[in-house]
Amino acid sequence: MGAEIPEAGATLDLRVAPDARQSAVVRRRILDFAAEHRIELARMHDFITALGEAFANAVEHAQTPDVAISVWIVQPNRLFATVTDRGIGFHQNGGQTRAQLPANSSERGRGLPIMRSCTDVFSIRSTPGVGTCVVLGTEFTRC
């Protein structure tokens, strides 16, 4: 009997307080979801890193009452997530986000480039006064 294919359409929805201490809870719930659906956990490292950066940005910058995180499987081998806040949002400078890491001496500005480099799909939409939604996606293998 072969390994089962993770169910396309399987989802995990979380709503958490904008508190950095919640990042461990979020990470654990997503890893549990991955294990439940037989997603190779070694491939999840980059995806969890990107998702953690998106959550950290919402906590630090959004001034939001909560952060919604949704994770879902598309087809048998694609994993997507959104990290959405209802915070202050920001202007996107024509939809462009910084693609490169800042200088080594800079203390800020690494989150978006890290998210981009750790995923196959990365997009961000933000509207001042409404909030921000980050979309992340990756391929995975079954264990």
C-alpha atoms as a PDB file:
ATOM      1  CA  MET A   1       0.000   0.000   0.000  1.00  0.00           C
ATOM      2  CA  GLY A   2       1.479   3.375  -1.081  1.00  0.00           C
ATOM      3  CA  ALA A   3       1.629   6.562   0.935  1.00  0.00           C
ATOM      4  CA  GLU A   4      -1.549   8.576   0.951  1.00  0.00           C
ATOM      5  CA  ILE A   5      -1.599  11.851  -0.943  1.00  0.00           C
ATOM      6  CA  PRO A   6      -2.233  14.848   1.318  1.00  0.00           C
ATOM      7  CA  GLU A   7      -5.792  16.007   0.855  1.00  0.00           C
ATOM      8  CA  ALA A   8      -5.997  18.986  -1.489  1.00  0.00           C
ATOM      9  CA  GLY A   9      -8.188  21.580   0.155  1.00  0.00           C
ATOM     10  CA  ALA A  10      -7.155  20.675   3.716  1.00  0.00           C
ATOM     11  CA  THR A  11      -6.918  23.900   5.713  1.00  0.00           C
ATOM     12  CA  LEU A  12      -5.773  25.267   9.038  1.00  0.00           C
ATOM     13  CA  ASP A  13      -7.143  28.605  10.236  1.00  0.00           C
ATOM     14  CA  LEU A  14      -5.712  30.433  13.243  1.00  0.00           C
ATOM     15  CA  ARG A  15      -6.465  33.800  14.797  1.00  0.00           C
ATOM     16  CA  VAL A  16      -3.944  34.903  17.408  1.00  0.00           C
ATOM     17  CA  ALA A  17      -3.059  37.942  19.452  1.00  0.00           C
ATOM     18  CA  PRO A  18      -0.348  40.189  17.974  1.00  0.00           C
ATOM     19  CA  ASP A  19       2.173  39.000  20.537  1.00  0.00           C
ATOM     20  CA  ALA A  20       5.636  37.672  19.683  1.00  0.00           C
ATOM     21  CA  ARG A  21       5.138  34.902  22.264  1.00  0.00           C
ATOM     22  CA  GLN A  22       2.427  33.483  19.962  1.00  0.00           C
ATOM     23  CA  SER A  23       4.994  32.674  17.258  1.00  0.00           C
ATOM     24  CA  ALA A  24       5.882  29.368  18.936  1.00  0.00           C
ATOM     25  CA  VAL A  25       2.199  28.415  19.076  1.00  0.00           C
ATOM     26  CA  VAL A  26       1.726  29.305  15.410  1.00  0.00           C
ATOM     27  CA  ARG A  27       4.830  27.355  14.392  1.00  0.00           C
ATOM     28  CA  ARG A  28       3.753  24.281  16.373  1.00  0.00           C
ATOM     29  CA  ARG A  29       0.210  24.308  14.931  1.00  0.00           C
ATOM     30  CA  ILE A  30       1.523  24.564  11.365  1.00  0.00           C
ATOM     31  CA  LEU A  31       4.062  21.784  11.898  1.00  0.00           C
ATOM     32  CA  ASP A  32       1.292  19.612  13.399  1.00  0.00           C
ATOM     33  CA  PHE A  33      -0.873  20.339  10.332  1.00  0.00           C
ATOM     34  CA  ALA A  34       2.039  19.366   8.062  1.00  0.00           C
ATOM     35  CA  ALA A  35       2.655  16.133   9.953  1.00  0.00           C
ATOM     36  CA  GLU A  36      -1.054  15.263   9.911  1.00  0.00           C
ATOM     37  CA  HIS A  37      -1.049  15.603   6.115  1.00  0.00           C
ATOM     38  CA  ARG A  38       2.258  13.754   5.649  1.00  0.00           C
ATOM     39  CA  ILE A  39       4.184  16.780   4.433  1.00  0.00           C
ATOM     40  CA  GLU A  40       7.948  16.267   4.622  1.00  0.00           C
ATOM     41  CA  LEU A  41       8.955  18.386   7.615  1.00  0.00           C
ATOM     42  CA  ALA A  42      12.478  19.009   6.304  1.00  0.00           C
ATOM     43  CA  ARG A  43      10.933  21.026   3.436  1.00  0.00           C
ATOM     44  CA  MET A  44       8.900  23.054   5.920  1.00  0.00           C
ATOM     45  CA  HIS A  45      11.902  24.866   7.443  1.00  0.00           C
ATOM     46  CA  ASP A  46      12.032  27.655   4.844  1.00  0.00           C
ATOM     47  CA  PHE A  47       8.249  27.949   4.719  1.00  0.00           C
ATOM     48  CA  ILE A  48       8.024  28.277   8.528  1.00  0.00           C
ATOM     49  CA  THR A  49      10.828  30.858   8.439  1.00  0.00           C
ATOM     50  CA  ALA A  50       8.921  32.957   5.890  1.00  0.00           C
ATOM     51  CA  LEU A  51       5.670  32.607   7.802  1.00  0.00           C
ATOM     52  CA  GLY A  52       7.432  33.586  11.029  1.00  0.00           C
ATOM     53  CA  GLU A  53       8.765  36.729   9.364  1.00  0.00           C
ATOM     54  CA  ALA A  54       5.276  37.655   8.141  1.00  0.00           C
ATOM     55  CA  PHE A  55       3.859  37.125  11.633  1.00  0.00           C
ATOM     56  CA  ALA A  56       6.704  39.104  13.246  1.00  0.00           C
ATOM     57  CA  ASN A  57       6.051  42.030  10.876  1.00  0.00           C
ATOM     58  CA  ALA A  58       2.353  42.033  11.789  1.00  0.00           C
ATOM     59  CA  VAL A  59       3.215  41.965  15.495  1.00  0.00           C
ATOM     60  CA  GLU A  60       5.803  44.724  15.253  1.00  0.00           C
ATOM     61  CA  HIS A  61       4.290  47.087  12.713  1.00  0.00           C
ATOM     62  CA  ALA A  62       0.562  46.552  12.164  1.00  0.00           C
ATOM     63  CA  GLN A  63      -0.999  47.821  15.399  1.00  0.00           C
ATOM     64  CA  THR A  64      -3.716  45.220  14.845  1.00  0.00           C
ATOM     65  CA  PRO A  65      -6.148  43.608  17.304  1.00  0.00           C
ATOM     66  CA  ASP A  66      -5.281  40.139  15.967  1.00  0.00           C
ATOM     67  CA  VAL A  67      -3.487  38.261  13.205  1.00  0.00           C
ATOM     68  CA  ALA A  68      -5.237  35.666  11.029  1.00  0.00           C
ATOM     69  CA  ILE A  69      -3.159  32.835   9.605  1.00  0.00           C
ATOM     70  CA  SER A  70      -4.535  30.365   7.085  1.00  0.00           C
ATOM     71  CA  VAL A  71      -2.632  27.423   5.663  1.00  0.00           C
ATOM     72  CA  TRP A  72      -3.993  25.144   2.956  1.00  0.00           C
ATOM     73  CA  ILE A  73      -2.981  22.403   0.564  1.00  0.00           C
ATOM     74  CA  VAL A  74      -3.542  22.875  -3.163  1.00  0.00           C
ATOM     75  CA  GLN A  75      -3.191  19.891  -5.460  1.00  0.00           C
ATOM     76  CA  PRO A  76      -1.247  17.109  -3.860  1.00  0.00           C
ATOM     77  CA  ASN A  77       2.037  19.016  -3.440  1.00  0.00           C
ATOM     78  CA  ARG A  78       1.530  22.764  -2.968  1.00  0.00           C
ATOM     79  CA  LEU A  79       1.196  24.502   0.368  1.00  0.00           C
ATOM     80  CA  PHE A  80      -0.019  28.082   0.704  1.00  0.00           C
ATOM     81  CA  ALA A  81      -0.485  30.437   3.644  1.00  0.00           C
ATOM     82  CA  THR A  82      -1.793  33.902   4.281  1.00  0.00           C
ATOM     83  CA  VAL A  83      -0.889  36.114   7.214  1.00  0.00           C
ATOM     84  CA  THR A  84      -3.464  38.880   7.480  1.00  0.00           C
ATOM     85  CA  ASP A  85      -3.816  41.783   9.869  1.00  0.00           C
ATOM     86  CA  ARG A  86      -6.366  44.553  10.248  1.00  0.00           C
ATOM     87  CA  GLY A  87      -3.760  47.111  11.165  1.00  0.00           C
ATOM     88  CA  ILE A  88      -2.464  50.401   9.885  1.00  0.00           C
ATOM     89  CA  GLY A  89      -1.171  49.071   6.542  1.00  0.00           C
ATOM     90  CA  PHE A  90       1.397  50.893   4.433  1.00  0.00           C
ATOM     91  CA  HIS A  91       1.916  52.387   0.987  1.00  0.00           C
ATOM     92  CA  GLN A  92       3.527  49.882  -1.352  1.00  0.00           C
ATOM     93  CA  ASN A  93       5.363  52.280  -3.665  1.00  0.00           C
ATOM     94  CA  GLY A  94       3.555  51.131  -6.788  1.00  0.00           C
ATOM     95  CA  GLY A  95       3.285  47.548  -5.556  1.00  0.00           C
ATOM     96  CA  GLN A  96       7.039  47.042  -5.365  1.00  0.00           C
ATOM     97  CA  THR A  97       8.655  45.489  -2.317  1.00  0.00           C
ATOM     98  CA  ARG A  98      12.349  45.439  -1.576  1.00  0.00           C
ATOM     99  CA  ALA A  99      13.930  42.442  -3.299  1.00  0.00           C
ATOM    100  CA  GLN A 100      17.419  42.597  -1.808  1.00  0.00           C
ATOM    101  CA  LEU A 101      18.743  42.439   1.713  1.00  0.00           C
ATOM    102  CA  PRO A 102      19.917  45.750   3.166  1.00  0.00           C
ATOM    103  CA  ALA A 103      23.554  46.454   4.009  1.00  0.00           C
ATOM    104  CA  ASN A 104      25.065  44.334   6.778  1.00  0.00           C
ATOM    105  CA  SER A 105      25.199  47.394   9.026  1.00  0.00           C
ATOM    106  CA  SER A 106      21.432  47.915   8.745  1.00  0.00           C
ATOM    107  CA  GLU A 107      19.319  46.654  11.629  1.00  0.00           C
ATOM    108  CA  ARG A 108      16.042  46.544   9.688  1.00  0.00           C
ATOM    109  CA  GLY A 109      14.595  45.632   6.313  1.00  0.00           C
ATOM    110  CA  ARG A 110      15.305  41.912   6.101  1.00  0.00           C
ATOM    111  CA  GLY A 111      11.793  40.476   6.560  1.00  0.00           C
ATOM    112  CA  LEU A 112      10.394  40.850   3.037  1.00  0.00           C
ATOM    113  CA  PRO A 113      13.547  39.628   1.252  1.00  0.00           C
ATOM    114  CA  ILE A 114      13.709  36.630   3.597  1.00  0.00           C
ATOM    115  CA  MET A 115      10.062  35.768   2.884  1.00  0.00           C
ATOM    116  CA  ARG A 116      10.723  36.031  -0.858  1.00  0.00           C
ATOM    117  CA  SER A 117      13.842  33.844  -0.734  1.00  0.00           C
ATOM    118  CA  CYS A 118      12.253  31.159   1.470  1.00  0.00           C
ATOM    119  CA  THR A 119       9.178  30.531  -0.692  1.00  0.00           C
ATOM    120  CA  ASP A 120       8.224  29.759  -4.275  1.00  0.00           C
ATOM    121  CA  VAL A 121       5.287  32.196  -4.111  1.00  0.00           C
ATOM    122  CA  PHE A 122       5.394  35.527  -2.305  1.00  0.00           C
ATOM    123  CA  SER A 123       3.061  38.473  -2.574  1.00  0.00           C
ATOM    124  CA  ILE A 124       1.974  41.245  -0.297  1.00  0.00           C
ATOM    125  CA  ARG A 125      -0.953  43.629  -0.405  1.00  0.00           C
ATOM    126  CA  SER A 126      -1.353  46.467   2.002  1.00  0.00           C
ATOM    127  CA  THR A 127      -3.794  49.323   2.244  1.00  0.00           C
ATOM    128  CA  PRO A 128      -3.204  52.184   4.677  1.00  0.00           C
ATOM    129  CA  GLY A 129      -5.847  52.119   7.392  1.00  0.00           C
ATOM    130  CA  VAL A 130      -7.126  48.664   6.353  1.00  0.00           C
ATOM    131  CA  GLY A 131      -4.284  46.199   6.888  1.00  0.00           C
ATOM    132  CA  THR A 132      -1.878  43.862   5.188  1.00  0.00           C
ATOM    133  CA  CYS A 133      -2.072  40.376   3.696  1.00  0.00           C
ATOM    134  CA  VAL A 134       1.033  38.324   2.903  1.00  0.00           C
ATOM    135  CA  VAL A 135       0.656  35.250   0.659  1.00  0.00           C
ATOM    136  CA  LEU A 136       3.301  32.524   0.795  1.00  0.00           C
ATOM    137  CA  GLY A 137       3.505  29.300  -1.177  1.00  0.00           C
ATOM    138  CA  THR A 138       5.829  26.350  -1.603  1.00  0.00           C
ATOM    139  CA  GLU A 139       6.016  22.906  -3.093  1.00  0.00           C
ATOM    140  CA  PHE A 140       6.444  19.976  -0.735  1.00  0.00           C
ATOM    141  CA  THR A 141       7.132  16.276  -0.808  1.00  0.00           C
ATOM    142  CA  ARG A 142       5.326  13.538   1.059  1.00  0.00           C
ATOM    143  CA  CYS A 143       6.932  11.487   3.758  1.00  0.00           C
END
